[in-house]
Each structure stands twice: as structure tokens, then as C-alpha cells.
Amino acid sequence: ALTIGAQGGIYIGGGIVNRLGPDWLENSAFRDEFTAKGRFVDYMAAIPTFVITNELSAFGGVRAFMRDN
């Protein structure tokens, strides 16, 4: 996020986070570690993080790619 300037947010996908439960990310140290970037702490704190919960989300991207190509 810091390297590419992902100010619109970070989207976390995959089955592991979903299996840990909907509140895992909020109750973990993830955000603290994510924002703990020294002088960039305020910059990182402004970047939202999201968990992709749709198990079929990849197919939406494939469908859009197939439609456009």
C-alpha cells in the first residue's frame, strides 16, 4: 500500500481470512502492524482495508475480461 500509494484501499481475498471469521481482521493486530510504518503512520492509517467475502468474486473479473476481449 505504501509502495504503490493505494489510497483507495487494500482488498484482502482468499479463503483463509474468511475461514477465520468475519471479526478476525478487526480483532487482530493486523491494522496496528499495517499502520506502524514510522513517519508514514498517518498516511497508512488513512488507507482502508477490506475483506472480500464473496467466494465467487474472481469469476466477476474473468467475466469482465472475457466480455472486453
N, C-alpha and C. Protein backbone atom coordinates (compact mmCIF):
# COMPACT_ATOMS: atom_id res chain seq x y z
N ALA A 1 0.83 -1.19 0.00
CA ALA A 1 0.00 0.00 0.00
C ALA A 1 0.87 1.25 0.00
N LEU A 2 1.91 1.23 0.78
CA LEU A 2 2.80 2.38 0.84
C LEU A 2 3.59 2.54 -0.45
N THR A 3 4.06 1.45 -0.99
CA THR A 3 4.88 1.49 -2.20
C THR A 3 4.11 1.99 -3.42
N ILE A 4 2.87 1.53 -3.58
CA ILE A 4 2.11 1.90 -4.78
C ILE A 4 1.09 3.00 -4.53
N GLY A 5 1.00 3.49 -3.30
CA GLY A 5 0.08 4.58 -3.00
C GLY A 5 -1.38 4.18 -3.10
N ALA A 6 -1.72 3.05 -2.57
CA ALA A 6 -3.08 2.51 -2.66
C ALA A 6 -4.02 3.21 -1.69
N GLN A 7 -4.28 4.48 -1.92
CA GLN A 7 -5.12 5.25 -1.00
C GLN A 7 -6.59 4.85 -1.05
N GLY A 8 -7.00 4.19 -2.12
CA GLY A 8 -8.40 3.76 -2.23
C GLY A 8 -8.72 2.56 -1.36
N GLY A 9 -7.70 1.87 -0.89
CA GLY A 9 -7.92 0.74 -0.01
C GLY A 9 -7.18 -0.50 -0.44
N ILE A 10 -7.08 -1.40 0.51
CA ILE A 10 -6.47 -2.70 0.30
C ILE A 10 -7.57 -3.74 0.45
N TYR A 11 -7.67 -4.63 -0.52
CA TYR A 11 -8.69 -5.67 -0.51
C TYR A 11 -8.00 -7.01 -0.28
N ILE A 12 -8.41 -7.70 0.76
CA ILE A 12 -7.80 -8.97 1.13
C ILE A 12 -8.75 -10.08 0.70
N GLY A 13 -8.25 -10.97 -0.15
CA GLY A 13 -9.07 -12.06 -0.63
C GLY A 13 -8.46 -13.40 -0.29
N GLY A 14 -9.19 -14.42 -0.56
CA GLY A 14 -8.70 -15.77 -0.30
C GLY A 14 -9.48 -16.42 0.82
N GLY A 15 -9.40 -17.70 0.89
CA GLY A 15 -10.21 -18.45 1.83
C GLY A 15 -9.77 -18.39 3.28
N ILE A 16 -8.50 -18.14 3.55
CA ILE A 16 -8.01 -18.21 4.92
C ILE A 16 -8.66 -17.15 5.80
N VAL A 17 -8.66 -15.92 5.35
CA VAL A 17 -9.24 -14.85 6.17
C VAL A 17 -10.73 -15.10 6.39
N ASN A 18 -11.42 -15.55 5.37
CA ASN A 18 -12.85 -15.83 5.51
C ASN A 18 -13.10 -16.97 6.50
N ARG A 19 -12.23 -17.96 6.52
CA ARG A 19 -12.40 -19.07 7.46
C ARG A 19 -12.13 -18.65 8.90
N LEU A 20 -11.35 -17.62 9.09
CA LEU A 20 -11.05 -17.15 10.45
C LEU A 20 -12.23 -16.42 11.08
N GLY A 21 -13.19 -16.04 10.27
CA GLY A 21 -14.40 -15.40 10.79
C GLY A 21 -14.46 -13.93 10.44
N PRO A 22 -15.68 -13.40 10.45
CA PRO A 22 -15.90 -12.02 9.99
C PRO A 22 -15.25 -10.96 10.87
N ASP A 23 -15.03 -11.24 12.13
CA ASP A 23 -14.47 -10.25 13.03
C ASP A 23 -12.97 -10.40 13.25
N TRP A 24 -12.37 -11.40 12.63
CA TRP A 24 -10.96 -11.66 12.88
C TRP A 24 -10.08 -10.46 12.56
N LEU A 25 -10.29 -9.86 11.40
CA LEU A 25 -9.43 -8.75 10.99
C LEU A 25 -9.54 -7.58 11.97
N GLU A 26 -10.76 -7.29 12.40
CA GLU A 26 -10.97 -6.18 13.34
C GLU A 26 -10.35 -6.46 14.70
N ASN A 27 -10.34 -7.72 15.12
CA ASN A 27 -9.83 -8.07 16.45
C ASN A 27 -8.36 -8.48 16.46
N SER A 28 -7.73 -8.52 15.30
CA SER A 28 -6.33 -8.92 15.23
C SER A 28 -5.43 -7.68 15.31
N ALA A 29 -4.15 -7.92 15.31
CA ALA A 29 -3.17 -6.83 15.32
C ALA A 29 -2.85 -6.36 13.90
N PHE A 30 -3.61 -6.83 12.94
CA PHE A 30 -3.33 -6.51 11.53
C PHE A 30 -3.26 -5.01 11.30
N ARG A 31 -4.27 -4.26 11.72
CA ARG A 31 -4.29 -2.81 11.46
C ARG A 31 -3.13 -2.11 12.16
N ASP A 32 -2.82 -2.52 13.38
CA ASP A 32 -1.71 -1.91 14.09
C ASP A 32 -0.40 -2.13 13.32
N GLU A 33 -0.20 -3.34 12.84
CA GLU A 33 1.01 -3.64 12.07
C GLU A 33 0.99 -2.96 10.70
N PHE A 34 -0.18 -2.88 10.11
CA PHE A 34 -0.34 -2.25 8.80
C PHE A 34 0.03 -0.78 8.87
N THR A 35 -0.40 -0.10 9.91
CA THR A 35 -0.16 1.34 10.02
C THR A 35 1.19 1.68 10.64
N ALA A 36 1.84 0.75 11.31
CA ALA A 36 3.10 1.03 12.00
C ALA A 36 4.26 1.15 11.01
N LYS A 37 4.29 2.24 10.31
CA LYS A 37 5.32 2.47 9.29
C LYS A 37 6.08 3.76 9.57
N GLY A 38 6.46 3.95 10.82
CA GLY A 38 7.28 5.10 11.20
C GLY A 38 6.64 6.43 10.85
N ARG A 39 7.37 7.22 10.10
CA ARG A 39 6.87 8.56 9.77
C ARG A 39 5.66 8.54 8.85
N PHE A 40 5.32 7.38 8.30
CA PHE A 40 4.16 7.26 7.40
C PHE A 40 2.91 6.76 8.12
N VAL A 41 2.92 6.74 9.43
CA VAL A 41 1.81 6.17 10.19
C VAL A 41 0.48 6.86 9.86
N ASP A 42 0.47 8.17 9.75
CA ASP A 42 -0.78 8.88 9.43
C ASP A 42 -1.25 8.57 8.01
N TYR A 43 -0.31 8.48 7.08
CA TYR A 43 -0.64 8.13 5.70
C TYR A 43 -1.27 6.75 5.63
N MET A 44 -0.65 5.78 6.33
CA MET A 44 -1.14 4.41 6.31
C MET A 44 -2.48 4.28 7.04
N ALA A 45 -2.67 5.03 8.10
CA ALA A 45 -3.91 4.96 8.86
C ALA A 45 -5.11 5.41 8.02
N ALA A 46 -4.87 6.25 7.03
CA ALA A 46 -5.95 6.73 6.18
C ALA A 46 -6.34 5.73 5.09
N ILE A 47 -5.57 4.66 4.91
CA ILE A 47 -5.86 3.66 3.88
C ILE A 47 -6.77 2.59 4.48
N PRO A 48 -7.99 2.44 3.96
CA PRO A 48 -8.89 1.42 4.49
C PRO A 48 -8.49 0.02 4.04
N THR A 49 -8.89 -0.97 4.83
CA THR A 49 -8.67 -2.37 4.47
C THR A 49 -10.01 -3.07 4.44
N PHE A 50 -10.19 -3.93 3.48
CA PHE A 50 -11.44 -4.66 3.30
C PHE A 50 -11.16 -6.14 3.11
N VAL A 51 -12.10 -6.96 3.51
CA VAL A 51 -12.02 -8.40 3.25
C VAL A 51 -13.06 -8.73 2.19
N ILE A 52 -12.64 -9.40 1.15
CA ILE A 52 -13.55 -9.84 0.09
C ILE A 52 -14.25 -11.10 0.61
N THR A 53 -15.56 -11.02 0.77
CA THR A 53 -16.31 -12.15 1.33
C THR A 53 -17.04 -12.96 0.27
N ASN A 54 -17.15 -12.45 -0.92
CA ASN A 54 -17.82 -13.18 -2.00
C ASN A 54 -16.89 -14.28 -2.49
N GLU A 55 -17.28 -15.52 -2.31
CA GLU A 55 -16.44 -16.65 -2.70
C GLU A 55 -16.26 -16.77 -4.21
N LEU A 56 -17.12 -16.12 -4.96
CA LEU A 56 -17.05 -16.22 -6.42
C LEU A 56 -16.57 -14.92 -7.06
N SER A 57 -15.92 -14.06 -6.30
CA SER A 57 -15.53 -12.75 -6.81
C SER A 57 -14.58 -12.83 -8.00
N ALA A 58 -13.73 -13.83 -8.05
CA ALA A 58 -12.80 -13.96 -9.17
C ALA A 58 -13.54 -14.14 -10.48
N PHE A 59 -14.69 -14.78 -10.45
CA PHE A 59 -15.44 -15.01 -11.68
C PHE A 59 -15.97 -13.72 -12.27
N GLY A 60 -16.24 -12.71 -11.44
CA GLY A 60 -16.66 -11.41 -11.96
C GLY A 60 -15.57 -10.78 -12.79
N GLY A 61 -14.33 -10.90 -12.33
CA GLY A 61 -13.20 -10.38 -13.09
C GLY A 61 -12.99 -11.13 -14.39
N VAL A 62 -13.13 -12.44 -14.33
CA VAL A 62 -12.98 -13.26 -15.54
C VAL A 62 -14.08 -12.90 -16.55
N ARG A 63 -15.30 -12.74 -16.06
CA ARG A 63 -16.42 -12.39 -16.93
C ARG A 63 -16.16 -11.05 -17.61
N ALA A 64 -15.68 -10.05 -16.84
CA ALA A 64 -15.40 -8.74 -17.42
C ALA A 64 -14.27 -8.83 -18.45
N PHE A 65 -13.25 -9.61 -18.15
CA PHE A 65 -12.15 -9.78 -19.10
C PHE A 65 -12.63 -10.42 -20.39
N MET A 66 -13.43 -11.45 -20.28
CA MET A 66 -13.94 -12.16 -21.46
C MET A 66 -14.86 -11.24 -22.28
N ARG A 67 -15.64 -10.45 -21.61
CA ARG A 67 -16.56 -9.54 -22.30
C ARG A 67 -15.77 -8.47 -23.07
N ASP A 68 -14.69 -7.98 -22.50
CA ASP A 68 -13.95 -6.88 -23.10
C ASP A 68 -12.88 -7.31 -24.09
N ASN A 69 -12.61 -8.60 -24.17
CA ASN A 69 -11.56 -9.06 -25.09
C ASN A 69 -12.12 -10.01 -26.08
